[in-house]
Full PDB file with SEQRES, HELIX, SHEET, SSBOND, CRYST1, ORIGX, SCALE, CONECT and MASTER records, all heavy atoms in Angstrom:
SEQRES   1 A   33  GLY VAL GLU LEU LEU GLY SER GLY ALA VAL GLU TRP ARG          
SEQRES   2 A   33  GLN THR ALA GLU GLY LEU ALA VAL THR LEU PRO ALA ASP          
SEQRES   3 A   33  ALA SER GLY GLY MET PRO TYR                                  
SHEET    1 AA1 2 GLU A   3  LEU A   4  0                                        
SHEET    2 AA1 2 GLY A   8  ALA A   9 -1                                        
SHEET    1 AA2 2 GLU A  11  GLN A  14  0                                        
SHEET    2 AA2 2 LEU A  19  THR A  22 -1                                        
CRYST1    1.000    1.000    1.000  90.00  90.00  90.00 P 1           1          
ORIGX1      1.000000  0.000000  0.000000        0.00000                         
ORIGX2      0.000000  1.000000  0.000000        0.00000                         
ORIGX3      0.000000  0.000000  1.000000        0.00000                         
SCALE1      1.000000  0.000000  0.000000        0.00000                         
SCALE2      0.000000  1.000000  0.000000        0.00000                         
SCALE3      0.000000  0.000000  1.000000        0.00000                         
ATOM      1  N   GLY A   1       2.738 -12.187 -22.161  1.00  0.00           N  
ATOM      2  CA  GLY A   1       2.874 -11.208 -21.094  1.00  0.00           C  
ATOM      3  C   GLY A   1       1.793 -10.142 -21.185  1.00  0.00           C  
ATOM      4  O   GLY A   1       1.209  -9.917 -22.240  1.00  0.00           O  
ATOM      5  N   VAL A   2       1.537  -9.494 -20.054  1.00  0.00           N  
ATOM      6  CA  VAL A   2       0.558  -8.412 -19.975  1.00  0.00           C  
ATOM      7  C   VAL A   2       1.195  -7.268 -19.201  1.00  0.00           C  
ATOM      8  O   VAL A   2       1.756  -7.480 -18.110  1.00  0.00           O  
ATOM      9  CB  VAL A   2      -0.738  -8.859 -19.265  1.00  0.00           C  
ATOM     10  CG1 VAL A   2      -1.731  -7.688 -19.197  1.00  0.00           C  
ATOM     11  CG2 VAL A   2      -1.361 -10.046 -19.981  1.00  0.00           C  
ATOM     12  N   GLU A   3       1.115  -6.071 -19.754  1.00  0.00           N  
ATOM     13  CA  GLU A   3       1.623  -4.905 -19.042  1.00  0.00           C  
ATOM     14  C   GLU A   3       0.586  -3.790 -19.055  1.00  0.00           C  
ATOM     15  O   GLU A   3      -0.249  -3.706 -19.966  1.00  0.00           O  
ATOM     16  CB  GLU A   3       2.932  -4.406 -19.632  1.00  0.00           C  
ATOM     17  CG  GLU A   3       2.811  -3.811 -21.021  1.00  0.00           C  
ATOM     18  CD  GLU A   3       4.126  -3.185 -21.507  1.00  0.00           C  
ATOM     19  OE1 GLU A   3       4.386  -2.033 -21.112  1.00  0.00           O  
ATOM     20  OE2 GLU A   3       4.846  -3.855 -22.268  1.00  0.00           O  
ATOM     21  N   LEU A   4       0.634  -2.987 -18.014  1.00  0.00           N  
ATOM     22  CA  LEU A   4      -0.203  -1.797 -17.932  1.00  0.00           C  
ATOM     23  C   LEU A   4       0.609  -0.633 -18.470  1.00  0.00           C  
ATOM     24  O   LEU A   4       1.694  -0.321 -17.933  1.00  0.00           O  
ATOM     25  CB  LEU A   4      -0.613  -1.535 -16.481  1.00  0.00           C  
ATOM     26  CG  LEU A   4      -1.411  -0.259 -16.213  1.00  0.00           C  
ATOM     27  CD1 LEU A   4      -2.795  -0.326 -16.866  1.00  0.00           C  
ATOM     28  CD2 LEU A   4      -1.531  -0.017 -14.713  1.00  0.00           C  
ATOM     29  N   LEU A   5       0.150   0.011 -19.550  1.00  0.00           N  
ATOM     30  CA  LEU A   5       0.903   1.123 -20.120  1.00  0.00           C  
ATOM     31  C   LEU A   5       1.100   2.205 -19.065  1.00  0.00           C  
ATOM     32  O   LEU A   5       0.175   2.561 -18.334  1.00  0.00           O  
ATOM     33  CB  LEU A   5       0.184   1.690 -21.339  1.00  0.00           C  
ATOM     34  CG  LEU A   5       0.048   0.763 -22.560  1.00  0.00           C  
ATOM     35  CD1 LEU A   5      -0.556   1.513 -23.736  1.00  0.00           C  
ATOM     36  CD2 LEU A   5       1.391   0.151 -22.948  1.00  0.00           C  
ATOM     37  N   GLY A   6       2.316   2.689 -18.993  1.00  0.00           N  
ATOM     38  CA  GLY A   6       2.655   3.710 -18.014  1.00  0.00           C  
ATOM     39  C   GLY A   6       3.074   3.152 -16.680  1.00  0.00           C  
ATOM     40  O   GLY A   6       3.475   3.905 -15.787  1.00  0.00           O  
ATOM     41  N   SER A   7       3.003   1.825 -16.522  1.00  0.00           N  
ATOM     42  CA  SER A   7       3.333   1.218 -15.232  1.00  0.00           C  
ATOM     43  C   SER A   7       4.307   0.053 -15.381  1.00  0.00           C  
ATOM     44  O   SER A   7       5.365   0.037 -14.763  1.00  0.00           O  
ATOM     45  CB  SER A   7       2.063   0.743 -14.518  1.00  0.00           C  
ATOM     46  OG  SER A   7       2.361   0.119 -13.297  1.00  0.00           O  
ATOM     47  N   GLY A   8       3.940  -0.918 -16.216  1.00  0.00           N  
ATOM     48  CA  GLY A   8       4.802  -2.081 -16.393  1.00  0.00           C  
ATOM     49  C   GLY A   8       4.034  -3.374 -16.285  1.00  0.00           C  
ATOM     50  O   GLY A   8       2.802  -3.410 -16.345  1.00  0.00           O  
ATOM     51  N   ALA A   9       4.760  -4.463 -16.111  1.00  0.00           N  
ATOM     52  CA  ALA A   9       4.148  -5.791 -16.065  1.00  0.00           C  
ATOM     53  C   ALA A   9       3.186  -5.901 -14.892  1.00  0.00           C  
ATOM     54  O   ALA A   9       3.399  -5.326 -13.820  1.00  0.00           O  
ATOM     55  CB  ALA A   9       5.233  -6.861 -15.963  1.00  0.00           C  
ATOM     56  N   VAL A  10       2.107  -6.645 -15.122  1.00  0.00           N  
ATOM     57  CA  VAL A  10       1.097  -6.862 -14.084  1.00  0.00           C  
ATOM     58  C   VAL A  10       0.852  -8.358 -13.912  1.00  0.00           C  
ATOM     59  O   VAL A  10       1.175  -9.172 -14.779  1.00  0.00           O  
ATOM     60  CB  VAL A  10      -0.235  -6.150 -14.425  1.00  0.00           C  
ATOM     61  CG1 VAL A  10      -0.066  -4.634 -14.404  1.00  0.00           C  
ATOM     62  CG2 VAL A  10      -0.770  -6.628 -15.784  1.00  0.00           C  
ATOM     63  N   GLU A  11       0.275  -8.718 -12.788  1.00  0.00           N  
ATOM     64  CA  GLU A  11      -0.073 -10.106 -12.516  1.00  0.00           C  
ATOM     65  C   GLU A  11      -1.285 -10.499 -13.365  1.00  0.00           C  
ATOM     66  O   GLU A  11      -2.265  -9.768 -13.435  1.00  0.00           O  
ATOM     67  CB  GLU A  11      -0.401 -10.262 -11.032  1.00  0.00           C  
ATOM     68  CG  GLU A  11      -0.787 -11.682 -10.631  1.00  0.00           C  
ATOM     69  CD  GLU A  11      -1.185 -11.757  -9.165  1.00  0.00           C  
ATOM     70  OE1 GLU A  11      -0.770 -10.862  -8.390  1.00  0.00           O  
ATOM     71  OE2 GLU A  11      -1.928 -12.702  -8.810  1.00  0.00           O  
ATOM     72  N   TRP A  12      -1.198 -11.671 -14.006  1.00  0.00           N  
ATOM     73  CA  TRP A  12      -2.308 -12.110 -14.852  1.00  0.00           C  
ATOM     74  C   TRP A  12      -2.399 -13.632 -14.859  1.00  0.00           C  
ATOM     75  O   TRP A  12      -1.428 -14.336 -14.624  1.00  0.00           O  
ATOM     76  CB  TRP A  12      -2.139 -11.594 -16.277  1.00  0.00           C  
ATOM     77  CG  TRP A  12      -0.925 -12.138 -16.996  1.00  0.00           C  
ATOM     78  CD1 TRP A  12       0.356 -11.676 -16.917  1.00  0.00           C  
ATOM     79  CD2 TRP A  12      -0.875 -13.275 -17.872  1.00  0.00           C  
ATOM     80  NE1 TRP A  12       1.207 -12.435 -17.680  1.00  0.00           N  
ATOM     81  CE2 TRP A  12       0.464 -13.425 -18.290  1.00  0.00           C  
ATOM     82  CE3 TRP A  12      -1.836 -14.180 -18.345  1.00  0.00           C  
ATOM     83  CZ2 TRP A  12       0.885 -14.428 -19.160  1.00  0.00           C  
ATOM     84  CZ3 TRP A  12      -1.427 -15.195 -19.210  1.00  0.00           C  
ATOM     85  CH2 TRP A  12      -0.090 -15.300 -19.613  1.00  0.00           C  
ATOM     86  N   ARG A  13      -3.611 -14.126 -15.129  1.00  0.00           N  
ATOM     87  CA  ARG A  13      -3.861 -15.558 -15.284  1.00  0.00           C  
ATOM     88  C   ARG A  13      -4.945 -15.738 -16.324  1.00  0.00           C  
ATOM     89  O   ARG A  13      -5.943 -15.013 -16.331  1.00  0.00           O  
ATOM     90  CB  ARG A  13      -4.345 -16.181 -13.963  1.00  0.00           C  
ATOM     91  CG  ARG A  13      -3.324 -16.241 -12.857  1.00  0.00           C  
ATOM     92  CD  ARG A  13      -3.890 -16.855 -11.581  1.00  0.00           C  
ATOM     93  NE  ARG A  13      -5.036 -16.102 -11.077  1.00  0.00           N  
ATOM     94  CZ  ARG A  13      -6.276 -16.546 -11.038  1.00  0.00           C  
ATOM     95  NH1 ARG A  13      -6.570 -17.761 -11.508  1.00  0.00           N  
ATOM     96  NH2 ARG A  13      -7.254 -15.796 -10.555  1.00  0.00           N  
ATOM     97  N   GLN A  14      -4.763 -16.702 -17.217  1.00  0.00           N  
ATOM     98  CA  GLN A  14      -5.803 -17.026 -18.201  1.00  0.00           C  
ATOM     99  C   GLN A  14      -6.514 -18.281 -17.733  1.00  0.00           C  
ATOM    100  O   GLN A  14      -5.911 -19.357 -17.647  1.00  0.00           O  
ATOM    101  CB  GLN A  14      -5.203 -17.214 -19.591  1.00  0.00           C  
ATOM    102  CG  GLN A  14      -6.245 -17.211 -20.700  1.00  0.00           C  
ATOM    103  CD  GLN A  14      -5.612 -17.276 -22.081  1.00  0.00           C  
ATOM    104  OE1 GLN A  14      -4.489 -17.759 -22.233  1.00  0.00           O  
ATOM    105  NE2 GLN A  14      -6.325 -16.803 -23.088  1.00  0.00           N  
ATOM    106  N   THR A  15      -7.783 -18.150 -17.407  1.00  0.00           N  
ATOM    107  CA  THR A  15      -8.560 -19.251 -16.848  1.00  0.00           C  
ATOM    108  C   THR A  15      -9.712 -19.599 -17.773  1.00  0.00           C  
ATOM    109  O   THR A  15      -9.903 -18.984 -18.826  1.00  0.00           O  
ATOM    110  CB  THR A  15      -9.127 -18.861 -15.470  1.00  0.00           C  
ATOM    111  OG1 THR A  15     -10.178 -17.898 -15.661  1.00  0.00           O  
ATOM    112  CG2 THR A  15      -8.055 -18.259 -14.579  1.00  0.00           C  
ATOM    113  N   ALA A  16     -10.483 -20.566 -17.355  1.00  0.00           N  
ATOM    114  CA  ALA A  16     -11.649 -20.971 -18.145  1.00  0.00           C  
ATOM    115  C   ALA A  16     -12.700 -19.877 -18.199  1.00  0.00           C  
ATOM    116  O   ALA A  16     -13.581 -19.893 -19.065  1.00  0.00           O  
ATOM    117  CB  ALA A  16     -12.248 -22.246 -17.552  1.00  0.00           C  
ATOM    118  N   GLU A  17     -12.610 -18.912 -17.280  1.00  0.00           N  
ATOM    119  CA  GLU A  17     -13.595 -17.830 -17.245  1.00  0.00           C  
ATOM    120  C   GLU A  17     -13.137 -16.589 -17.991  1.00  0.00           C  
ATOM    121  O   GLU A  17     -13.963 -15.736 -18.354  1.00  0.00           O  
ATOM    122  CB  GLU A  17     -13.908 -17.457 -15.795  1.00  0.00           C  
ATOM    123  CG  GLU A  17     -14.622 -18.565 -15.031  1.00  0.00           C  
ATOM    124  CD  GLU A  17     -14.985 -18.138 -13.637  1.00  0.00           C  
ATOM    125  OE1 GLU A  17     -14.477 -17.075 -13.176  1.00  0.00           O  
ATOM    126  OE2 GLU A  17     -15.779 -18.842 -12.992  1.00  0.00           O  
ATOM    127  N   GLY A  18     -11.835 -16.443 -18.205  1.00  0.00           N  
ATOM    128  CA  GLY A  18     -11.353 -15.260 -18.894  1.00  0.00           C  
ATOM    129  C   GLY A  18      -9.935 -14.925 -18.500  1.00  0.00           C  
ATOM    130  O   GLY A  18      -9.275 -15.654 -17.741  1.00  0.00           O  
ATOM    131  N   LEU A  19      -9.460 -13.802 -19.021  1.00  0.00           N  
ATOM    132  CA  LEU A  19      -8.138 -13.305 -18.677  1.00  0.00           C  
ATOM    133  C   LEU A  19      -8.271 -12.438 -17.424  1.00  0.00           C  
ATOM    134  O   LEU A  19      -8.888 -11.370 -17.462  1.00  0.00           O  
ATOM    135  CB  LEU A  19      -7.551 -12.488 -19.832  1.00  0.00           C  
ATOM    136  CG  LEU A  19      -6.209 -11.797 -19.556  1.00  0.00           C  
ATOM    137  CD1 LEU A  19      -5.107 -12.835 -19.320  1.00  0.00           C  
ATOM    138  CD2 LEU A  19      -5.843 -10.862 -20.711  1.00  0.00           C  
ATOM    139  N   ALA A  20      -7.716 -12.902 -16.315  1.00  0.00           N  
ATOM    140  CA  ALA A  20      -7.798 -12.178 -15.043  1.00  0.00           C  
ATOM    141  C   ALA A  20      -6.522 -11.373 -14.850  1.00  0.00           C  
ATOM    142  O   ALA A  20      -5.412 -11.915 -14.927  1.00  0.00           O  
ATOM    143  CB  ALA A  20      -7.991 -13.153 -13.892  1.00  0.00           C  
ATOM    144  N   VAL A  21      -6.675 -10.085 -14.597  1.00  0.00           N  
ATOM    145  CA  VAL A  21      -5.544  -9.176 -14.427  1.00  0.00           C  
ATOM    146  C   VAL A  21      -5.732  -8.411 -13.124  1.00  0.00           C  
ATOM    147  O   VAL A  21      -6.842  -7.975 -12.801  1.00  0.00           O  
ATOM    148  CB  VAL A  21      -5.438  -8.186 -15.601  1.00  0.00           C  
ATOM    149  CG1 VAL A  21      -4.305  -7.193 -15.376  1.00  0.00           C  
ATOM    150  CG2 VAL A  21      -5.249  -8.929 -16.921  1.00  0.00           C  
ATOM    151  N   THR A  22      -4.656  -8.231 -12.393  1.00  0.00           N  
ATOM    152  CA  THR A  22      -4.691  -7.427 -11.178  1.00  0.00           C  
ATOM    153  C   THR A  22      -3.951  -6.115 -11.427  1.00  0.00           C  
ATOM    154  O   THR A  22      -2.744  -6.119 -11.707  1.00  0.00           O  
ATOM    155  CB  THR A  22      -4.037  -8.166 -10.000  1.00  0.00           C  
ATOM    156  OG1 THR A  22      -4.711  -9.417  -9.794  1.00  0.00           O  
ATOM    157  CG2 THR A  22      -4.121  -7.334  -8.733  1.00  0.00           C  
ATOM    158  N   LEU A  23      -4.674  -5.012 -11.358  1.00  0.00           N  
ATOM    159  CA  LEU A  23      -4.080  -3.698 -11.589  1.00  0.00           C  
ATOM    160  C   LEU A  23      -3.441  -3.175 -10.312  1.00  0.00           C  
ATOM    161  O   LEU A  23      -3.920  -3.443  -9.201  1.00  0.00           O  
ATOM    162  CB  LEU A  23      -5.155  -2.699 -12.044  1.00  0.00           C  
ATOM    163  CG  LEU A  23      -5.903  -3.017 -13.335  1.00  0.00           C  
ATOM    164  CD1 LEU A  23      -6.958  -1.942 -13.591  1.00  0.00           C  
ATOM    165  CD2 LEU A  23      -4.955  -3.111 -14.522  1.00  0.00           C  
ATOM    166  N   PRO A  24      -2.366  -2.399 -10.434  1.00  0.00           N  
ATOM    167  CA  PRO A  24      -1.782  -1.757  -9.247  1.00  0.00           C  
ATOM    168  C   PRO A  24      -2.685  -0.618  -8.765  1.00  0.00           C  
ATOM    169  O   PRO A  24      -3.692  -0.296  -9.405  1.00  0.00           O  
ATOM    170  CB  PRO A  24      -0.448  -1.226  -9.774  1.00  0.00           C  
ATOM    171  CG  PRO A  24      -0.688  -0.990 -11.235  1.00  0.00           C  
ATOM    172  CD  PRO A  24      -1.628  -2.086 -11.663  1.00  0.00           C  
ATOM    173  N   ALA A  25      -2.319  -0.024  -7.665  1.00  0.00           N  
ATOM    174  CA  ALA A  25      -3.089   1.103  -7.141  1.00  0.00           C  
ATOM    175  C   ALA A  25      -3.193   2.199  -8.195  1.00  0.00           C  
ATOM    176  O   ALA A  25      -2.244   2.455  -8.942  1.00  0.00           O  
ATOM    177  CB  ALA A  25      -2.417   1.632  -5.871  1.00  0.00           C  
ATOM    178  N   ASP A  26      -4.356   2.832  -8.247  1.00  0.00           N  
ATOM    179  CA  ASP A  26      -4.629   3.827  -9.287  1.00  0.00           C  
ATOM    180  C   ASP A  26      -3.933   5.143  -8.978  1.00  0.00           C  
ATOM    181  O   ASP A  26      -4.124   5.729  -7.914  1.00  0.00           O  
ATOM    182  CB  ASP A  26      -6.134   4.048  -9.395  1.00  0.00           C  
ATOM    183  CG  ASP A  26      -6.493   5.053 -10.480  1.00  0.00           C  
ATOM    184  OD1 ASP A  26      -5.644   5.305 -11.360  1.00  0.00           O  
ATOM    185  OD2 ASP A  26      -7.611   5.582 -10.445  1.00  0.00           O  
ATOM    186  N   ALA A  27      -3.130   5.605  -9.932  1.00  0.00           N  
ATOM    187  CA  ALA A  27      -2.488   6.919  -9.796  1.00  0.00           C  
ATOM    188  C   ALA A  27      -2.976   7.880 -10.868  1.00  0.00           C  
ATOM    189  O   ALA A  27      -2.414   8.955 -11.048  1.00  0.00           O  
ATOM    190  CB  ALA A  27      -0.972   6.756  -9.892  1.00  0.00           C  
ATOM    191  N   SER A  28      -4.048   7.484 -11.584  1.00  0.00           N  
ATOM    192  CA  SER A  28      -4.508   8.283 -12.729  1.00  0.00           C  
ATOM    193  C   SER A  28      -5.728   9.135 -12.419  1.00  0.00           C  
ATOM    194  O   SER A  28      -6.213   9.858 -13.289  1.00  0.00           O  
ATOM    195  CB  SER A  28      -4.842   7.358 -13.895  1.00  0.00           C  
ATOM    196  OG  SER A  28      -6.032   6.623 -13.632  1.00  0.00           O  
ATOM    197  N   GLY A  29      -6.265   9.018 -11.212  1.00  0.00           N  
ATOM    198  CA  GLY A  29      -7.473   9.767 -10.904  1.00  0.00           C  
ATOM    199  C   GLY A  29      -8.720   9.153 -11.492  1.00  0.00           C  
ATOM    200  O   GLY A  29      -9.698   9.862 -11.739  1.00  0.00           O  
ATOM    201  N   GLY A  30      -8.692   7.849 -11.727  1.00  0.00           N  
ATOM    202  CA  GLY A  30      -9.883   7.170 -12.230  1.00  0.00           C  
ATOM    203  C   GLY A  30     -10.040   7.180 -13.730  1.00  0.00           C  
ATOM    204  O   GLY A  30     -11.103   6.821 -14.245  1.00  0.00           O  
ATOM    205  N   MET A  31      -9.001   7.537 -14.449  1.00  0.00           N  
ATOM    206  CA  MET A  31      -9.069   7.550 -15.914  1.00  0.00           C  
ATOM    207  C   MET A  31      -9.085   6.126 -16.467  1.00  0.00           C  
ATOM    208  O   MET A  31      -8.690   5.168 -15.777  1.00  0.00           O  
ATOM    209  CB  MET A  31      -7.868   8.306 -16.487  1.00  0.00           C  
ATOM    210  CG  MET A  31      -7.851   9.788 -16.180  1.00  0.00           C  
ATOM    211  SD  MET A  31      -9.128  10.721 -17.077  1.00  0.00           S  
ATOM    212  CE  MET A  31      -8.409  10.790 -18.726  1.00  0.00           C  
ATOM    213  N   PRO A  32      -9.536   5.940 -17.714  1.00  0.00           N  
ATOM    214  CA  PRO A  32      -9.434   4.630 -18.355  1.00  0.00           C  
ATOM    215  C   PRO A  32      -7.984   4.145 -18.373  1.00  0.00           C  
ATOM    216  O   PRO A  32      -7.043   4.943 -18.265  1.00  0.00           O  
ATOM    217  CB  PRO A  32      -9.951   4.892 -19.771  1.00  0.00           C  
ATOM    218  CG  PRO A  32     -10.887   6.055 -19.618  1.00  0.00           C  
ATOM    219  CD  PRO A  32     -10.243   6.920 -18.572  1.00  0.00           C  
ATOM    220  N   TYR A  33      -7.795   2.845 -18.526  1.00  0.00           N  
ATOM    221  CA  TYR A  33      -6.457   2.264 -18.522  1.00  0.00           C  
ATOM    222  C   TYR A  33      -6.271   1.422 -19.777  1.00  0.00           C  
ATOM    223  O   TYR A  33      -7.238   1.043 -20.449  1.00  0.00           O  
ATOM    224  CB  TYR A  33      -6.246   1.408 -17.274  1.00  0.00           C  
ATOM    225  CG  TYR A  33      -7.198   0.238 -17.183  1.00  0.00           C  
ATOM    226  CD1 TYR A  33      -6.876  -1.004 -17.728  1.00  0.00           C  
ATOM    227  CD2 TYR A  33      -8.434   0.381 -16.556  1.00  0.00           C  
ATOM    228  CE1 TYR A  33      -7.758  -2.071 -17.667  1.00  0.00           C  
ATOM    229  CE2 TYR A  33      -9.331  -0.679 -16.494  1.00  0.00           C  
ATOM    230  CZ  TYR A  33      -8.990  -1.895 -17.051  1.00  0.00           C  
ATOM    231  OH  TYR A  33      -9.868  -2.943 -16.996  1.00  0.00           O  
TER     232      TYR A  33                                                      
MASTER        0    0    0    0    4    0    0    6  231    1    0    3          
END                                                                             
């Protein structure tokens, strides 16, 4: 599983190119995640 700290589980797929993750809309003002 993959989760975004402060938010919860996120959509992810592990492919031949890498671990692809889709982040939710940003509520942090552009801070690192």
